[in-house]
């Protein structure tokens, strides 16, 4: 699904990490039509609340999107963060699109595995693998 692919044609970063806040979201619309969302920080109840509207708009706002979510910068993942990921994946699937997660750190990958999130959302180790999963 993912792979090398063309570089991003346009990019709009939405940064919400300021003093006292926990999450940062960057949204990149690639030349190949894939939307890449980069998350960093603590994706717990507070973090999910901080980025929820922007992440949902980017990841599930339009029909038929192909979305990859980079979790490499996510330091911690709690149930509310998983809920946000699942709701966006389900919304995109219902609109004929796809969402794939990739790049989780070992601690976050373990949480995803224990929650069997891969039964709901495709999970890849690299961006390239995630892009490949989008096309299959």
Protein backbone atom coordinates (compact mmCIF):
# COMPACT_ATOMS: atom_id res chain seq x y z
CA UNK A 1 0.00 0.00 0.00
CA UNK A 2 2.62 2.44 1.00
CA UNK A 3 5.93 2.70 -0.56
CA UNK A 4 8.44 5.25 -1.58
CA UNK A 5 5.93 7.15 -3.67
CA UNK A 6 5.96 10.78 -4.67
CA UNK A 7 6.96 13.44 -2.24
CA UNK A 8 4.33 15.62 -0.68
CA UNK A 9 2.95 18.28 -2.94
CA UNK A 10 1.36 20.37 -0.24
CA UNK A 11 1.57 20.37 3.48
CA UNK A 12 -0.38 22.01 6.19
CA UNK A 13 0.85 21.48 9.70
CA UNK A 14 -1.57 21.76 12.54
CA UNK A 15 0.42 22.11 15.70
CA UNK A 16 -1.24 21.97 19.06
CA UNK A 17 1.73 21.29 21.31
CA UNK A 18 2.26 24.37 23.40
CA UNK A 19 3.12 24.81 27.06
CA UNK A 20 0.99 22.41 29.07
CA UNK A 21 -0.31 20.51 26.06
CA UNK A 22 0.63 17.00 25.03
CA UNK A 23 -0.08 16.38 21.35
CA UNK A 24 1.06 17.61 17.97
CA UNK A 25 -0.63 16.87 14.63
CA UNK A 26 0.85 17.47 11.21
CA UNK A 27 -1.19 16.83 8.09
CA UNK A 28 0.39 16.33 4.71
CA UNK A 29 -1.52 15.84 1.47
CA UNK A 30 0.80 13.92 -0.82
CA UNK A 31 0.96 14.27 -4.60
CA UNK A 32 -0.29 10.67 -4.95
CA UNK A 33 -3.52 11.55 -3.11
CA UNK A 34 -2.59 9.91 0.18
CA UNK A 35 -3.13 11.95 3.33
CA UNK A 36 -0.32 11.47 5.83
CA UNK A 37 -1.06 12.37 9.44
CA UNK A 38 1.89 12.57 11.82
CA UNK A 39 1.06 12.33 15.51
CA UNK A 40 3.45 13.01 18.36
CA UNK A 41 3.09 13.21 22.11
CA UNK A 42 0.86 11.41 24.59
CA UNK A 43 -2.31 10.05 23.02
CA UNK A 44 -4.30 9.70 26.22
CA UNK A 45 -7.64 11.32 27.14
CA UNK A 46 -6.18 14.84 27.22
CA UNK A 47 -4.14 14.33 24.06
CA UNK A 48 -7.10 12.83 22.18
CA UNK A 49 -9.24 15.77 23.26
CA UNK A 50 -6.59 18.26 22.10
CA UNK A 51 -6.28 16.84 18.59
CA UNK A 52 -9.64 15.12 18.12
CA UNK A 53 -11.35 17.60 15.81
CA UNK A 54 -8.31 18.24 13.61
CA UNK A 55 -7.37 14.58 13.39
CA UNK A 56 -10.94 13.54 12.59
CA UNK A 57 -11.26 16.23 9.91
CA UNK A 58 -8.01 15.09 8.28
CA UNK A 59 -8.45 11.35 8.66
CA UNK A 60 -12.19 10.89 8.20
CA UNK A 61 -13.59 14.17 6.95
CA UNK A 62 -13.81 13.39 3.24
CA UNK A 63 -15.08 10.33 1.40
CA UNK A 64 -12.71 7.86 -0.19
CA UNK A 65 -9.50 9.12 1.36
CA UNK A 66 -6.42 6.95 1.66
CA UNK A 67 -4.84 7.87 4.99
CA UNK A 68 -1.63 6.78 6.68
CA UNK A 69 -1.03 7.68 10.30
CA UNK A 70 2.56 7.94 11.54
CA UNK A 71 2.72 6.91 15.20
CA UNK A 72 6.53 7.13 15.56
CA UNK A 73 6.25 10.24 17.72
CA UNK A 74 3.53 8.86 19.98
CA UNK A 75 5.11 8.24 23.37
CA UNK A 76 2.04 6.81 25.11
CA UNK A 77 -1.29 5.41 23.92
CA UNK A 78 -4.33 5.02 26.18
CA UNK A 79 -7.88 3.85 25.57
CA UNK A 80 -9.19 7.27 24.50
CA UNK A 81 -6.42 7.52 21.92
CA UNK A 82 -7.31 4.07 20.59
CA UNK A 83 -10.96 5.11 20.47
CA UNK A 84 -10.04 8.13 18.34
CA UNK A 85 -8.03 5.97 15.92
CA UNK A 86 -10.81 3.37 15.66
CA UNK A 87 -13.58 5.92 15.11
CA UNK A 88 -11.64 7.61 12.31
CA UNK A 89 -10.75 4.29 10.67
CA UNK A 90 -14.36 3.13 10.79
CA UNK A 91 -15.63 6.45 9.46
CA UNK A 92 -13.18 6.36 6.55
CA UNK A 93 -14.00 2.72 5.80
CA UNK A 94 -17.71 3.61 5.76
CA UNK A 95 -16.98 6.30 3.16
CA UNK A 96 -15.02 3.94 0.91
CA UNK A 97 -11.59 5.01 2.11
CA UNK A 98 -8.77 3.36 4.02
CA UNK A 99 -6.67 4.22 7.07
CA UNK A 100 -3.44 2.44 8.00
CA UNK A 101 -1.26 3.01 11.07
CA UNK A 102 2.52 2.70 10.99
CA UNK A 103 5.75 3.33 12.84
CA UNK A 104 4.66 2.70 16.42
CA UNK A 105 7.36 2.66 19.09
CA UNK A 106 7.77 -0.64 20.96
CA UNK A 107 5.62 0.39 23.95
CA UNK A 108 2.83 1.71 21.73
CA UNK A 109 3.11 -1.31 19.40
CA UNK A 110 2.68 -3.57 22.42
CA UNK A 111 -0.49 -1.71 23.45
CA UNK A 112 -1.86 -1.99 19.91
CA UNK A 113 -1.07 -5.70 19.86
CA UNK A 114 -2.59 -6.40 23.28
CA UNK A 115 -5.76 -4.56 22.27
CA UNK A 116 -5.85 -6.52 18.97
CA UNK A 117 -6.28 -3.23 17.15
CA UNK A 118 -4.87 -4.84 14.01
CA UNK A 119 -8.19 -6.70 13.75
CA UNK A 120 -9.87 -3.33 13.16
CA UNK A 121 -7.18 -1.12 11.61
CA UNK A 122 -4.30 -2.31 9.41
CA UNK A 123 -0.95 -1.71 11.13
CA UNK A 124 2.41 -1.60 9.36
CA UNK A 125 5.93 -1.19 10.67
CA UNK A 126 7.08 1.39 8.09
CA UNK A 127 5.54 4.07 5.91
CA UNK A 128 6.47 2.05 2.84
CA UNK A 129 4.66 -0.99 4.19
CA UNK A 130 1.67 1.15 5.09
CA UNK A 131 1.45 2.54 1.56
CA UNK A 132 1.56 -1.01 0.19
CA UNK A 133 -1.31 -1.97 2.54
CA UNK A 134 -3.39 0.89 1.10
CA UNK A 135 -3.28 -0.55 -2.39
CA UNK A 136 -4.16 -4.12 -1.41
